[in-house]
Amino acid sequence: MGFWRGVIAGSVLGAVIGILMAPPQRKPEQRSIFRIVRSSRPGSRTQRILRGVTSRVSDIIR
């Protein structure tokens, strides 16, 4: 009886810890809607990231 109680208690504790440590997930539809609302220009974020990467790479090369 003690073995099965340990197995059940361990699985419950593992499930609770897994739920608490997992980041909250959003549905894909919500994510795309938020992107459309937030982005005023569709390629501005990508261009900003590329500018930062190219400046860092050029600094490293120098």
PDB file of N, CA and C in Angstrom:
ATOM      1  N   MET A   1       0.821  -1.196   0.000  1.00  0.00           N
ATOM      2  CA  MET A   1       0.000   0.000   0.000  1.00  0.00           C
ATOM      3  C   MET A   1       0.862   1.256   0.000  1.00  0.00           C
ATOM      4  N   GLY A   2       1.961   1.247   0.734  1.00  0.00           N
ATOM      5  CA  GLY A   2       2.829   2.416   0.803  1.00  0.00           C
ATOM      6  C   GLY A   2       3.484   2.727  -0.532  1.00  0.00           C
ATOM      7  N   PHE A   3       3.822   1.687  -1.298  1.00  0.00           N
ATOM      8  CA  PHE A   3       4.450   1.886  -2.601  1.00  0.00           C
ATOM      9  C   PHE A   3       3.509   2.634  -3.539  1.00  0.00           C
ATOM     10  N   TRP A   4       2.247   2.201  -3.602  1.00  0.00           N
ATOM     11  CA  TRP A   4       1.295   2.831  -4.509  1.00  0.00           C
ATOM     12  C   TRP A   4       0.965   4.255  -4.085  1.00  0.00           C
ATOM     13  N   ARG A   5       0.935   4.484  -2.761  1.00  0.00           N
ATOM     14  CA  ARG A   5       0.729   5.857  -2.295  1.00  0.00           C
ATOM     15  C   ARG A   5       1.880   6.746  -2.740  1.00  0.00           C
ATOM     16  N   GLY A   6       3.089   6.222  -2.670  1.00  0.00           N
ATOM     17  CA  GLY A   6       4.261   6.979  -3.118  1.00  0.00           C
ATOM     18  C   GLY A   6       4.217   7.269  -4.608  1.00  0.00           C
ATOM     19  N   VAL A   7       3.793   6.281  -5.384  1.00  0.00           N
ATOM     20  CA  VAL A   7       3.694   6.466  -6.830  1.00  0.00           C
ATOM     21  C   VAL A   7       2.654   7.536  -7.160  1.00  0.00           C
ATOM     22  N   ILE A   8       1.502   7.457  -6.516  1.00  0.00           N
ATOM     23  CA  ILE A   8       0.443   8.438  -6.777  1.00  0.00           C
ATOM     24  C   ILE A   8       0.865   9.823  -6.307  1.00  0.00           C
ATOM     25  N   ALA A   9       1.457   9.903  -5.110  1.00  0.00           N
ATOM     26  CA  ALA A   9       1.890  11.204  -4.591  1.00  0.00           C
ATOM     27  C   ALA A   9       2.974  11.806  -5.481  1.00  0.00           C
ATOM     28  N   GLY A  10       3.893  10.992  -5.951  1.00  0.00           N
ATOM     29  CA  GLY A  10       4.952  11.484  -6.830  1.00  0.00           C
ATOM     30  C   GLY A  10       4.414  11.973  -8.155  1.00  0.00           C
ATOM     31  N   SER A  11       3.441  11.261  -8.703  1.00  0.00           N
ATOM     32  CA  SER A  11       2.879  11.700  -9.986  1.00  0.00           C
ATOM     33  C   SER A  11       2.077  12.985  -9.823  1.00  0.00           C
ATOM     34  N   VAL A  12       1.360  13.118  -8.706  1.00  0.00           N
ATOM     35  CA  VAL A  12       0.606  14.351  -8.474  1.00  0.00           C
ATOM     36  C   VAL A  12       1.568  15.514  -8.281  1.00  0.00           C
ATOM     37  N   LEU A  13       2.607  15.317  -7.480  1.00  0.00           N
ATOM     38  CA  LEU A  13       3.592  16.383  -7.270  1.00  0.00           C
ATOM     39  C   LEU A  13       4.284  16.753  -8.577  1.00  0.00           C
ATOM     40  N   GLY A  14       4.628  15.773  -9.388  1.00  0.00           N
ATOM     41  CA  GLY A  14       5.260  16.048 -10.677  1.00  0.00           C
ATOM     42  C   GLY A  14       4.352  16.835 -11.606  1.00  0.00           C
ATOM     43  N   ALA A  15       3.070  16.502 -11.607  1.00  0.00           N
ATOM     44  CA  ALA A  15       2.126  17.235 -12.453  1.00  0.00           C
ATOM     45  C   ALA A  15       1.977  18.678 -11.984  1.00  0.00           C
ATOM     46  N   VAL A  16       1.897  18.880 -10.669  1.00  0.00           N
ATOM     47  CA  VAL A  16       1.750  20.238 -10.142  1.00  0.00           C
ATOM     48  C   VAL A  16       2.986  21.068 -10.449  1.00  0.00           C
ATOM     49  N   ILE A  17       4.161  20.497 -10.247  1.00  0.00           N
ATOM     50  CA  ILE A  17       5.403  21.226 -10.535  1.00  0.00           C
ATOM     51  C   ILE A  17       5.504  21.524 -12.027  1.00  0.00           C
ATOM     52  N   GLY A  18       5.122  20.577 -12.864  1.00  0.00           N
ATOM     53  CA  GLY A  18       5.146  20.803 -14.309  1.00  0.00           C
ATOM     54  C   GLY A  18       4.216  21.918 -14.737  1.00  0.00           C
ATOM     55  N   ILE A  19       3.047  21.987 -14.120  1.00  0.00           N
ATOM     56  CA  ILE A  19       2.098  23.057 -14.460  1.00  0.00           C
ATOM     57  C   ILE A  19       2.630  24.402 -13.998  1.00  0.00           C
ATOM     58  N   LEU A  20       3.216  24.442 -12.801  1.00  0.00           N
ATOM     59  CA  LEU A  20       3.712  25.708 -12.264  1.00  0.00           C
ATOM     60  C   LEU A  20       4.938  26.220 -13.006  1.00  0.00           C
ATOM     61  N   MET A  21       5.779  25.323 -13.509  1.00  0.00           N
ATOM     62  CA  MET A  21       7.015  25.754 -14.157  1.00  0.00           C
ATOM     63  C   MET A  21       6.834  26.041 -15.636  1.00  0.00           C
ATOM     64  N   ALA A  22       5.757  25.561 -16.234  1.00  0.00           N
ATOM     65  CA  ALA A  22       5.528  25.791 -17.665  1.00  0.00           C
ATOM     66  C   ALA A  22       5.061  27.226 -17.877  1.00  0.00           C
ATOM     67  N   PRO A  23       5.585  27.897 -18.910  1.00  0.00           N
ATOM     68  CA  PRO A  23       5.120  29.257 -19.190  1.00  0.00           C
ATOM     69  C   PRO A  23       3.685  29.231 -19.708  1.00  0.00           C
ATOM     70  N   PRO A  24       2.925  30.269 -19.466  1.00  0.00           N
ATOM     71  CA  PRO A  24       1.547  30.288 -19.975  1.00  0.00           C
ATOM     72  C   PRO A  24       1.536  30.313 -21.499  1.00  0.00           C
ATOM     73  N   GLN A  25       0.658  29.539 -22.085  1.00  0.00           N
ATOM     74  CA  GLN A  25       0.603  29.443 -23.541  1.00  0.00           C
ATOM     75  C   GLN A  25      -0.654  30.136 -24.052  1.00  0.00           C
ATOM     76  N   ARG A  26      -0.519  30.788 -25.172  1.00  0.00           N
ATOM     77  CA  ARG A  26      -1.663  31.435 -25.814  1.00  0.00           C
ATOM     78  C   ARG A  26      -2.057  30.636 -27.041  1.00  0.00           C
ATOM     79  N   LYS A  27      -3.277  30.811 -27.441  1.00  0.00           N
ATOM     80  CA  LYS A  27      -3.734  30.167 -28.666  1.00  0.00           C
ATOM     81  C   LYS A  27      -3.116  30.893 -29.861  1.00  0.00           C
ATOM     82  N   PRO A  28      -2.819  30.184 -30.952  1.00  0.00           N
ATOM     83  CA  PRO A  28      -2.203  30.834 -32.118  1.00  0.00           C
ATOM     84  C   PRO A  28      -3.045  31.968 -32.703  1.00  0.00           C
ATOM     85  N   GLU A  29      -4.368  31.859 -32.630  1.00  0.00           N
ATOM     86  CA  GLU A  29      -5.199  32.917 -33.195  1.00  0.00           C
ATOM     87  C   GLU A  29      -4.996  34.223 -32.430  1.00  0.00           C
ATOM     88  N   GLN A  30      -4.932  34.132 -31.103  1.00  0.00           N
ATOM     89  CA  GLN A  30      -4.732  35.328 -30.292  1.00  0.00           C
ATOM     90  C   GLN A  30      -3.380  35.950 -30.595  1.00  0.00           C
ATOM     91  N   ARG A  31      -2.370  35.123 -30.735  1.00  0.00           N
ATOM     92  CA  ARG A  31      -1.023  35.629 -30.989  1.00  0.00           C
ATOM     93  C   ARG A  31      -0.973  36.420 -32.293  1.00  0.00           C
ATOM     94  N   SER A  32      -1.606  35.912 -33.342  1.00  0.00           N
ATOM     95  CA  SER A  32      -1.574  36.616 -34.627  1.00  0.00           C
ATOM     96  C   SER A  32      -2.385  37.906 -34.568  1.00  0.00           C
ATOM     97  N   ILE A  33      -3.467  37.905 -33.815  1.00  0.00           N
ATOM     98  CA  ILE A  33      -4.277  39.124 -33.691  1.00  0.00           C
ATOM     99  C   ILE A  33      -3.479  40.201 -32.973  1.00  0.00           C
ATOM    100  N   PHE A  34      -2.773  39.825 -31.896  1.00  0.00           N
ATOM    101  CA  PHE A  34      -1.983  40.809 -31.159  1.00  0.00           C
ATOM    102  C   PHE A  34      -0.858  41.362 -32.027  1.00  0.00           C
ATOM    103  N   ARG A  35      -0.267  40.541 -32.860  1.00  0.00           N
ATOM    104  CA  ARG A  35       0.809  41.022 -33.738  1.00  0.00           C
ATOM    105  C   ARG A  35       0.274  42.044 -34.731  1.00  0.00           C
ATOM    106  N   ILE A  36      -0.897  41.784 -35.271  1.00  0.00           N
ATOM    107  CA  ILE A  36      -1.476  42.704 -36.247  1.00  0.00           C
ATOM    108  C   ILE A  36      -1.801  44.033 -35.578  1.00  0.00           C
ATOM    109  N   VAL A  37      -2.337  43.986 -34.368  1.00  0.00           N
ATOM    110  CA  VAL A  37      -2.722  45.211 -33.670  1.00  0.00           C
ATOM    111  C   VAL A  37      -1.488  46.011 -33.279  1.00  0.00           C
ATOM    112  N   ARG A  38      -0.445  45.324 -32.780  1.00  0.00           N
ATOM    113  CA  ARG A  38       0.734  46.024 -32.273  1.00  0.00           C
ATOM    114  C   ARG A  38       1.621  46.583 -33.369  1.00  0.00           C
ATOM    115  N   SER A  39       1.731  45.885 -34.475  1.00  0.00           N
ATOM    116  CA  SER A  39       2.699  46.299 -35.488  1.00  0.00           C
ATOM    117  C   SER A  39       2.096  47.361 -36.396  1.00  0.00           C
ATOM    118  N   SER A  40       2.700  48.534 -36.375  1.00  0.00           N
ATOM    119  CA  SER A  40       2.218  49.579 -37.267  1.00  0.00           C
ATOM    120  C   SER A  40       2.769  49.352 -38.668  1.00  0.00           C
ATOM    121  N   ARG A  41       4.059  48.977 -38.736  1.00  0.00           N
ATOM    122  CA  ARG A  41       4.659  48.628 -40.018  1.00  0.00           C
ATOM    123  C   ARG A  41       5.093  47.174 -39.956  1.00  0.00           C
ATOM    124  N   PRO A  42       4.730  46.364 -40.937  1.00  0.00           N
ATOM    125  CA  PRO A  42       4.943  44.925 -40.823  1.00  0.00           C
ATOM    126  C   PRO A  42       6.400  44.485 -40.736  1.00  0.00           C
ATOM    127  N   GLY A  43       7.351  45.191 -41.359  1.00  0.00           N
ATOM    128  CA  GLY A  43       8.725  44.711 -41.349  1.00  0.00           C
ATOM    129  C   GLY A  43       9.650  45.481 -40.437  1.00  0.00           C
ATOM    130  N   SER A  44       9.113  46.369 -39.611  1.00  0.00           N
ATOM    131  CA  SER A  44       9.976  47.254 -38.822  1.00  0.00           C
ATOM    132  C   SER A  44      10.740  46.494 -37.747  1.00  0.00           C
ATOM    133  N   ARG A  45      10.096  45.511 -37.122  1.00  0.00           N
ATOM    134  CA  ARG A  45      10.776  44.755 -36.065  1.00  0.00           C
ATOM    135  C   ARG A  45      11.932  43.952 -36.646  1.00  0.00           C
ATOM    136  N   THR A  46      11.706  43.317 -37.766  1.00  0.00           N
ATOM    137  CA  THR A  46      12.750  42.531 -38.412  1.00  0.00           C
ATOM    138  C   THR A  46      13.911  43.416 -38.835  1.00  0.00           C
ATOM    139  N   GLN A  47      13.608  44.565 -39.394  1.00  0.00           N
ATOM    140  CA  GLN A  47      14.676  45.479 -39.814  1.00  0.00           C
ATOM    141  C   GLN A  47      15.480  45.969 -38.623  1.00  0.00           C
ATOM    142  N   ARG A  48      14.818  46.241 -37.505  1.00  0.00           N
ATOM    143  CA  ARG A  48      15.515  46.704 -36.310  1.00  0.00           C
ATOM    144  C   ARG A  48      16.458  45.621 -35.782  1.00  0.00           C
ATOM    145  N   ILE A  49      16.003  44.377 -35.775  1.00  0.00           N
ATOM    146  CA  ILE A  49      16.842  43.268 -35.314  1.00  0.00           C
ATOM    147  C   ILE A  49      18.033  43.099 -36.243  1.00  0.00           C
ATOM    148  N   LEU A  50      17.799  43.155 -37.556  1.00  0.00           N
ATOM    149  CA  LEU A  50      18.895  43.002 -38.512  1.00  0.00           C
ATOM    150  C   LEU A  50      19.908  44.131 -38.387  1.00  0.00           C
ATOM    151  N   ARG A  51      19.437  45.354 -38.159  1.00  0.00           N
ATOM    152  CA  ARG A  51      20.369  46.471 -37.968  1.00  0.00           C
ATOM    153  C   ARG A  51      21.249  46.244 -36.752  1.00  0.00           C
ATOM    154  N   GLY A  52      20.659  45.769 -35.666  1.00  0.00           N
ATOM    155  CA  GLY A  52      21.438  45.499 -34.457  1.00  0.00           C
ATOM    156  C   GLY A  52      22.458  44.404 -34.674  1.00  0.00           C
ATOM    157  N   VAL A  53      22.061  43.347 -35.368  1.00  0.00           N
ATOM    158  CA  VAL A  53      22.979  42.234 -35.625  1.00  0.00           C
ATOM    159  C   VAL A  53      24.127  42.683 -36.516  1.00  0.00           C
ATOM    160  N   THR A  54      23.824  43.426 -37.575  1.00  0.00           N
ATOM    161  CA  THR A  54      24.895  43.850 -38.478  1.00  0.00           C
ATOM    162  C   THR A  54      25.856  44.810 -37.787  1.00  0.00           C
ATOM    163  N   SER A  55      25.343  45.674 -36.917  1.00  0.00           N
ATOM    164  CA  SER A  55      26.256  46.586 -36.216  1.00  0.00           C
ATOM    165  C   SER A  55      27.145  45.821 -35.252  1.00  0.00           C
ATOM    166  N   ARG A  56      26.603  44.815 -34.572  1.00  0.00           N
ATOM    167  CA  ARG A  56      27.424  44.016 -33.653  1.00  0.00           C
ATOM    168  C   ARG A  56      28.475  43.217 -34.399  1.00  0.00           C
ATOM    169  N   VAL A  57      28.087  42.649 -35.533  1.00  0.00           N
ATOM    170  CA  VAL A  57      29.044  41.870 -36.322  1.00  0.00           C
ATOM    171  C   VAL A  57      30.154  42.774 -36.846  1.00  0.00           C
ATOM    172  N   SER A  58      29.808  43.958 -37.312  1.00  0.00           N
ATOM    173  CA  SER A  58      30.842  44.861 -37.815  1.00  0.00           C
ATOM    174  C   SER A  58      31.755  45.327 -36.682  1.00  0.00           C
ATOM    175  N   ASP A  59      31.215  45.498 -35.473  1.00  0.00           N
ATOM    176  CA  ASP A  59      32.056  45.851 -34.330  1.00  0.00           C
ATOM    177  C   ASP A  59      33.008  44.715 -33.974  1.00  0.00           C
ATOM    178  N   ILE A  60      32.538  43.485 -34.077  1.00  0.00           N
ATOM    179  CA  ILE A  60      33.390  42.331 -33.767  1.00  0.00           C
ATOM    180  C   ILE A  60      34.505  42.206 -34.794  1.00  0.00           C
ATOM    181  N   ILE A  61      34.204  42.452 -36.065  1.00  0.00           N
ATOM    182  CA  ILE A  61      35.204  42.322 -37.131  1.00  0.00           C
ATOM    183  C   ILE A  61      36.299  43.369 -36.971  1.00  0.00           C
ATOM    184  N   ARG A  62      35.951  44.572 -36.546  1.00  0.00           N
ATOM    185  CA  ARG A  62      36.944  45.632 -36.384  1.00  0.00           C
ATOM    186  C   ARG A  62      37.851  45.289 -35.290  1.00  0.00           C
TER     187      ARG A  62
END
